[in-house]
């Protein structure tokens, strides 16, 4: 997230996620839509509009392991 936030305004990136990396790239795409050219989900978890990535991240953070 820090890397994407640090990009210049005119620069875009391609994000690739595998497995639960799909959650990470979904969060970045949701947070920085103007800096993401495309997101590639390779056998990755792809959240939907009913369970957006921010909601899932909050749920995971409340689980006591």
PDB file of N, CA and C in Angstrom:
ATOM      1  N   UNK A   1       0.821  -1.176   0.000  1.00  0.00           N
ATOM      2  CA  UNK A   1       0.000   0.000   0.000  1.00  0.00           C
ATOM      3  C   UNK A   1       0.877   1.254   0.000  1.00  0.00           C
ATOM      4  N   UNK A   2       1.978   1.211   0.755  1.00  0.00           N
ATOM      5  CA  UNK A   2       2.870   2.369   0.800  1.00  0.00           C
ATOM      6  C   UNK A   2       3.479   2.638  -0.576  1.00  0.00           C
ATOM      7  N   UNK A   3       3.842   1.573  -1.280  1.00  0.00           N
ATOM      8  CA  UNK A   3       4.434   1.737  -2.599  1.00  0.00           C
ATOM      9  C   UNK A   3       3.447   2.397  -3.559  1.00  0.00           C
ATOM     10  N   UNK A   4       2.226   1.887  -3.606  1.00  0.00           N
ATOM     11  CA  UNK A   4       1.224   2.440  -4.517  1.00  0.00           C
ATOM     12  C   UNK A   4       0.922   3.888  -4.141  1.00  0.00           C
ATOM     13  N   UNK A   5       0.836   4.186  -2.864  1.00  0.00           N
ATOM     14  CA  UNK A   5       0.580   5.554  -2.419  1.00  0.00           C
ATOM     15  C   UNK A   5       1.699   6.500  -2.848  1.00  0.00           C
ATOM     16  N   UNK A   6       2.926   5.991  -2.941  1.00  0.00           N
ATOM     17  CA  UNK A   6       4.067   6.843  -3.262  1.00  0.00           C
ATOM     18  C   UNK A   6       4.239   7.096  -4.768  1.00  0.00           C
ATOM     19  N   UNK A   7       3.462   6.424  -5.596  1.00  0.00           N
ATOM     20  CA  UNK A   7       3.589   6.620  -7.042  1.00  0.00           C
ATOM     21  C   UNK A   7       3.188   8.032  -7.453  1.00  0.00           C
ATOM     22  N   UNK A   8       3.885   8.589  -8.451  1.00  0.00           N
ATOM     23  CA  UNK A   8       3.468   9.891  -8.988  1.00  0.00           C
ATOM     24  C   UNK A   8       2.061   9.791  -9.590  1.00  0.00           C
ATOM     25  N   UNK A   9       1.359  10.898  -9.668  1.00  0.00           N
ATOM     26  CA  UNK A   9      -0.030  10.914 -10.155  1.00  0.00           C
ATOM     27  C   UNK A   9      -0.178  10.353 -11.569  1.00  0.00           C
ATOM     28  N   UNK A  10       0.824  10.532 -12.426  1.00  0.00           N
ATOM     29  CA  UNK A  10       0.718  10.097 -13.814  1.00  0.00           C
ATOM     30  C   UNK A  10       1.215   8.669 -14.053  1.00  0.00           C
ATOM     31  N   UNK A  11       1.547   7.945 -13.004  1.00  0.00           N
ATOM     32  CA  UNK A  11       2.076   6.586 -13.135  1.00  0.00           C
ATOM     33  C   UNK A  11       1.048   5.566 -12.656  1.00  0.00           C
ATOM     34  N   UNK A  12       0.914   4.464 -13.411  1.00  0.00           N
ATOM     35  CA  UNK A  12      -0.011   3.389 -13.053  1.00  0.00           C
ATOM     36  C   UNK A  12       0.741   2.066 -12.995  1.00  0.00           C
ATOM     37  N   UNK A  13       0.207   1.123 -12.223  1.00  0.00           N
ATOM     38  CA  UNK A  13       0.841  -0.180 -12.074  1.00  0.00           C
ATOM     39  C   UNK A  13      -0.131  -1.293 -12.435  1.00  0.00           C
ATOM     40  N   UNK A  14       0.438  -2.461 -12.722  1.00  0.00           N
ATOM     41  CA  UNK A  14      -0.327  -3.696 -12.916  1.00  0.00           C
ATOM     42  C   UNK A  14      -0.108  -4.520 -11.653  1.00  0.00           C
ATOM     43  N   UNK A  15      -1.190  -4.888 -10.993  1.00  0.00           N
ATOM     44  CA  UNK A  15      -1.087  -5.697  -9.779  1.00  0.00           C
ATOM     45  C   UNK A  15      -1.450  -7.142 -10.103  1.00  0.00           C
ATOM     46  N   UNK A  16      -0.664  -8.082  -9.584  1.00  0.00           N
ATOM     47  CA  UNK A  16      -0.908  -9.510  -9.784  1.00  0.00           C
ATOM     48  C   UNK A  16      -0.983 -10.164  -8.420  1.00  0.00           C
ATOM     49  N   UNK A  17      -2.057 -10.915  -8.186  1.00  0.00           N
ATOM     50  CA  UNK A  17      -2.216 -11.605  -6.912  1.00  0.00           C
ATOM     51  C   UNK A  17      -2.535 -13.071  -7.116  1.00  0.00           C
ATOM     52  N   UNK A  18      -2.009 -13.906  -6.226  1.00  0.00           N
ATOM     53  CA  UNK A  18      -2.256 -15.340  -6.255  1.00  0.00           C
ATOM     54  C   UNK A  18      -2.803 -15.751  -4.896  1.00  0.00           C
ATOM     55  N   UNK A  19      -3.772 -16.638  -4.885  1.00  0.00           N
ATOM     56  CA  UNK A  19      -4.370 -17.143  -3.664  1.00  0.00           C
ATOM     57  C   UNK A  19      -4.977 -15.982  -2.872  1.00  0.00           C
ATOM     58  N   UNK A  20      -4.629 -15.845  -1.589  1.00  0.00           N
ATOM     59  CA  UNK A  20      -5.190 -14.744  -0.807  1.00  0.00           C
ATOM     60  C   UNK A  20      -4.541 -13.405  -1.137  1.00  0.00           C
ATOM     61  N   UNK A  21      -3.560 -13.390  -2.052  1.00  0.00           N
ATOM     62  CA  UNK A  21      -3.030 -12.136  -2.561  1.00  0.00           C
ATOM     63  C   UNK A  21      -4.093 -11.352  -3.311  1.00  0.00           C
ATOM     64  N   UNK A  22      -5.143 -12.038  -3.727  1.00  0.00           N
ATOM     65  CA  UNK A  22      -6.268 -11.360  -4.367  1.00  0.00           C
ATOM     66  C   UNK A  22      -6.916 -10.346  -3.442  1.00  0.00           C
ATOM     67  N   UNK A  23      -6.922 -10.652  -2.161  1.00  0.00           N
ATOM     68  CA  UNK A  23      -7.477  -9.716  -1.181  1.00  0.00           C
ATOM     69  C   UNK A  23      -6.607  -8.463  -1.110  1.00  0.00           C
ATOM     70  N   UNK A  24      -5.296  -8.644  -1.122  1.00  0.00           N
ATOM     71  CA  UNK A  24      -4.378  -7.499  -1.040  1.00  0.00           C
ATOM     72  C   UNK A  24      -4.504  -6.595  -2.264  1.00  0.00           C
ATOM     73  N   UNK A  25      -4.547  -7.186  -3.460  1.00  0.00           N
ATOM     74  CA  UNK A  25      -4.646  -6.321  -4.632  1.00  0.00           C
ATOM     75  C   UNK A  25      -6.027  -5.685  -4.725  1.00  0.00           C
ATOM     76  N   UNK A  26      -7.054  -6.362  -4.223  1.00  0.00           N
ATOM     77  CA  UNK A  26      -8.389  -5.759  -4.190  1.00  0.00           C
ATOM     78  C   UNK A  26      -8.414  -4.534  -3.281  1.00  0.00           C
ATOM     79  N   UNK A  27      -7.755  -4.640  -2.136  1.00  0.00           N
ATOM     80  CA  UNK A  27      -7.673  -3.489  -1.226  1.00  0.00           C
ATOM     81  C   UNK A  27      -6.956  -2.322  -1.898  1.00  0.00           C
ATOM     82  N   UNK A  28      -5.861  -2.610  -2.591  1.00  0.00           N
ATOM     83  CA  UNK A  28      -5.118  -1.550  -3.282  1.00  0.00           C
ATOM     84  C   UNK A  28      -5.952  -0.941  -4.401  1.00  0.00           C
ATOM     85  N   UNK A  29      -6.672  -1.768  -5.138  1.00  0.00           N
ATOM     86  CA  UNK A  29      -7.508  -1.269  -6.225  1.00  0.00           C
ATOM     87  C   UNK A  29      -8.640  -0.399  -5.694  1.00  0.00           C
ATOM     88  N   UNK A  30      -9.177  -0.765  -4.552  1.00  0.00           N
ATOM     89  CA  UNK A  30     -10.251   0.009  -3.945  1.00  0.00           C
ATOM     90  C   UNK A  30      -9.725   1.335  -3.377  1.00  0.00           C
ATOM     91  N   UNK A  31      -8.523   1.317  -2.822  1.00  0.00           N
ATOM     92  CA  UNK A  31      -7.949   2.503  -2.191  1.00  0.00           C
ATOM     93  C   UNK A  31      -7.337   3.478  -3.195  1.00  0.00           C
ATOM     94  N   UNK A  32      -6.788   2.971  -4.299  1.00  0.00           N
ATOM     95  CA  UNK A  32      -6.071   3.803  -5.274  1.00  0.00           C
ATOM     96  C   UNK A  32      -6.533   3.503  -6.706  1.00  0.00           C
ATOM     97  N   UNK A  33      -7.793   3.666  -7.024  1.00  0.00           N
ATOM     98  CA  UNK A  33      -8.263   3.290  -8.364  1.00  0.00           C
ATOM     99  C   UNK A  33      -7.578   4.065  -9.491  1.00  0.00           C
ATOM    100  N   UNK A  34      -7.143   5.280  -9.208  1.00  0.00           N
ATOM    101  CA  UNK A  34      -6.507   6.101 -10.245  1.00  0.00           C
ATOM    102  C   UNK A  34      -5.067   5.681 -10.538  1.00  0.00           C
ATOM    103  N   UNK A  35      -4.490   4.826  -9.692  1.00  0.00           N
ATOM    104  CA  UNK A  35      -3.094   4.411  -9.866  1.00  0.00           C
ATOM    105  C   UNK A  35      -2.942   2.976 -10.353  1.00  0.00           C
ATOM    106  N   UNK A  36      -4.065   2.279 -10.542  1.00  0.00           N
ATOM    107  CA  UNK A  36      -4.026   0.877 -10.952  1.00  0.00           C
ATOM    108  C   UNK A  36      -4.500   0.764 -12.397  1.00  0.00           C
ATOM    109  N   UNK A  37      -3.638   0.247 -13.270  1.00  0.00           N
ATOM    110  CA  UNK A  37      -4.019   0.033 -14.661  1.00  0.00           C
ATOM    111  C   UNK A  37      -4.927  -1.188 -14.771  1.00  0.00           C
ATOM    112  N   UNK A  38      -4.487  -2.295 -14.126  1.00  0.00           N
ATOM    113  CA  UNK A  38      -5.257  -3.538 -14.166  1.00  0.00           C
ATOM    114  C   UNK A  38      -4.847  -4.417 -12.989  1.00  0.00           C
ATOM    115  N   UNK A  39      -5.775  -5.246 -12.534  1.00  0.00           N
ATOM    116  CA  UNK A  39      -5.482  -6.238 -11.507  1.00  0.00           C
ATOM    117  C   UNK A  39      -5.643  -7.625 -12.109  1.00  0.00           C
ATOM    118  N   UNK A  40      -4.653  -8.480 -11.907  1.00  0.00           N
ATOM    119  CA  UNK A  40      -4.681  -9.836 -12.450  1.00  0.00           C
ATOM    120  C   UNK A  40      -4.813 -10.807 -11.275  1.00  0.00           C
ATOM    121  N   UNK A  41      -5.873 -11.604 -11.302  1.00  0.00           N
ATOM    122  CA  UNK A  41      -6.145 -12.580 -10.241  1.00  0.00           C
ATOM    123  C   UNK A  41      -5.790 -13.966 -10.773  1.00  0.00           C
ATOM    124  N   UNK A  42      -4.668 -14.531 -10.299  1.00  0.00           N
ATOM    125  CA  UNK A  42      -4.187 -15.835 -10.756  1.00  0.00           C
ATOM    126  C   UNK A  42      -4.564 -16.863  -9.696  1.00  0.00           C
ATOM    127  N   UNK A  43      -5.620 -17.613  -9.962  1.00  0.00           N
ATOM    128  CA  UNK A  43      -6.147 -18.558  -8.968  1.00  0.00           C
ATOM    129  C   UNK A  43      -6.252 -17.871  -7.616  1.00  0.00           C
ATOM    130  N   UNK A  44      -6.770 -16.659  -7.638  1.00  0.00           N
ATOM    131  CA  UNK A  44      -6.788 -15.824  -6.438  1.00  0.00           C
ATOM    132  C   UNK A  44      -8.207 -15.576  -5.963  1.00  0.00           C
ATOM    133  N   UNK A  45      -8.317 -15.286  -4.691  1.00  0.00           N
ATOM    134  CA  UNK A  45      -9.585 -14.892  -4.102  1.00  0.00           C
ATOM    135  C   UNK A  45     -10.007 -13.551  -4.691  1.00  0.00           C
ATOM    136  N   UNK A  46     -11.238 -13.475  -5.174  1.00  0.00           N
ATOM    137  CA  UNK A  46     -11.743 -12.244  -5.756  1.00  0.00           C
ATOM    138  C   UNK A  46     -13.005 -11.831  -4.998  1.00  0.00           C
ATOM    139  N   UNK A  47     -12.884 -10.808  -4.143  1.00  0.00           N
ATOM    140  CA  UNK A  47     -14.065 -10.348  -3.403  1.00  0.00           C
ATOM    141  C   UNK A  47     -15.127  -9.805  -4.357  1.00  0.00           C
ATOM    142  N   UNK A  48     -16.352  -9.739  -3.874  1.00  0.00           N
ATOM    143  CA  UNK A  48     -17.425  -9.191  -4.695  1.00  0.00           C
ATOM    144  C   UNK A  48     -18.042  -7.974  -4.005  1.00  0.00           C
ATOM    145  N   UNK A  49     -19.035  -7.374  -4.624  1.00  0.00           N
ATOM    146  CA  UNK A  49     -19.628  -6.158  -4.068  1.00  0.00           C
ATOM    147  C   UNK A  49     -20.376  -6.405  -2.760  1.00  0.00           C
ATOM    148  N   UNK A  50     -20.800  -7.630  -2.503  1.00  0.00           N
ATOM    149  CA  UNK A  50     -21.491  -7.947  -1.247  1.00  0.00           C
ATOM    150  C   UNK A  50     -20.489  -8.020  -0.096  1.00  0.00           C
ATOM    151  N   UNK A  51     -19.301  -8.537  -0.377  1.00  0.00           N
ATOM    152  CA  UNK A  51     -18.229  -8.638   0.622  1.00  0.00           C
ATOM    153  C   UNK A  51     -16.999  -7.887   0.117  1.00  0.00           C
ATOM    154  N   UNK A  52     -17.024  -6.545   0.147  1.00  0.00           N
ATOM    155  CA  UNK A  52     -15.868  -5.797  -0.361  1.00  0.00           C
ATOM    156  C   UNK A  52     -14.621  -6.067   0.473  1.00  0.00           C
ATOM    157  N   UNK A  53     -13.431  -5.834  -0.094  1.00  0.00           N
ATOM    158  CA  UNK A  53     -12.181  -6.165   0.585  1.00  0.00           C
ATOM    159  C   UNK A  53     -12.022  -5.512   1.952  1.00  0.00           C
ATOM    160  N   UNK A  54     -12.464  -4.294   2.105  1.00  0.00           N
ATOM    161  CA  UNK A  54     -12.310  -3.615   3.400  1.00  0.00           C
ATOM    162  C   UNK A  54     -13.113  -4.336   4.475  1.00  0.00           C
ATOM    163  N   UNK A  55     -14.318  -4.781   4.136  1.00  0.00           N
ATOM    164  CA  UNK A  55     -15.155  -5.517   5.088  1.00  0.00           C
ATOM    165  C   UNK A  55     -14.485  -6.820   5.492  1.00  0.00           C
ATOM    166  N   UNK A  56     -13.930  -7.541   4.509  1.00  0.00           N
ATOM    167  CA  UNK A  56     -13.267  -8.809   4.808  1.00  0.00           C
ATOM    168  C   UNK A  56     -12.020  -8.599   5.664  1.00  0.00           C
ATOM    169  N   UNK A  57     -11.253  -7.556   5.390  1.00  0.00           N
ATOM    170  CA  UNK A  57     -10.055  -7.275   6.179  1.00  0.00           C
ATOM    171  C   UNK A  57     -10.423  -6.970   7.620  1.00  0.00           C
ATOM    172  N   UNK A  58     -11.514  -6.252   7.821  1.00  0.00           N
ATOM    173  CA  UNK A  58     -11.964  -5.937   9.181  1.00  0.00           C
ATOM    174  C   UNK A  58     -12.402  -7.208   9.902  1.00  0.00           C
ATOM    175  N   UNK A  59     -13.094  -8.101   9.196  1.00  0.00           N
ATOM    176  CA  UNK A  59     -13.511  -9.358   9.808  1.00  0.00           C
ATOM    177  C   UNK A  59     -12.322 -10.205  10.221  1.00  0.00           C
ATOM    178  N   UNK A  60     -11.317 -10.301   9.358  1.00  0.00           N
ATOM    179  CA  UNK A  60     -10.127 -11.090   9.642  1.00  0.00           C
ATOM    180  C   UNK A  60      -9.381 -10.524  10.836  1.00  0.00           C
ATOM    181  N   UNK A  61      -9.312  -9.203  10.940  1.00  0.00           N
ATOM    182  CA  UNK A  61      -8.563  -8.580  12.033  1.00  0.00           C
ATOM    183  C   UNK A  61      -9.225  -8.784  13.393  1.00  0.00           C
ATOM    184  N   UNK A  62     -10.508  -9.134  13.417  1.00  0.00           N
ATOM    185  CA  UNK A  62     -11.191  -9.346  14.697  1.00  0.00           C
ATOM    186  C   UNK A  62     -11.124 -10.800  15.174  1.00  0.00           C
ATOM    187  N   UNK A  63     -10.594 -11.687  14.339  1.00  0.00           N
ATOM    188  CA  UNK A  63     -10.497 -13.102  14.715  1.00  0.00           C
ATOM    189  C   UNK A  63      -9.296 -13.273  15.671  1.00  0.00           C
ATOM    190  N   UNK A  64      -9.538 -13.894  16.785  1.00  0.00           N
ATOM    191  CA  UNK A  64      -8.468 -14.182  17.754  1.00  0.00           C
ATOM    192  C   UNK A  64      -7.870 -15.532  17.440  1.00  0.00           C
ATOM    193  N   UNK A  65      -6.610 -15.531  17.067  1.00  0.00           N
ATOM    194  CA  UNK A  65      -5.936 -16.798  16.750  1.00  0.00           C
ATOM    195  C   UNK A  65      -5.192 -17.325  17.939  1.00  0.00           C
TER     196      UNK A  65
END
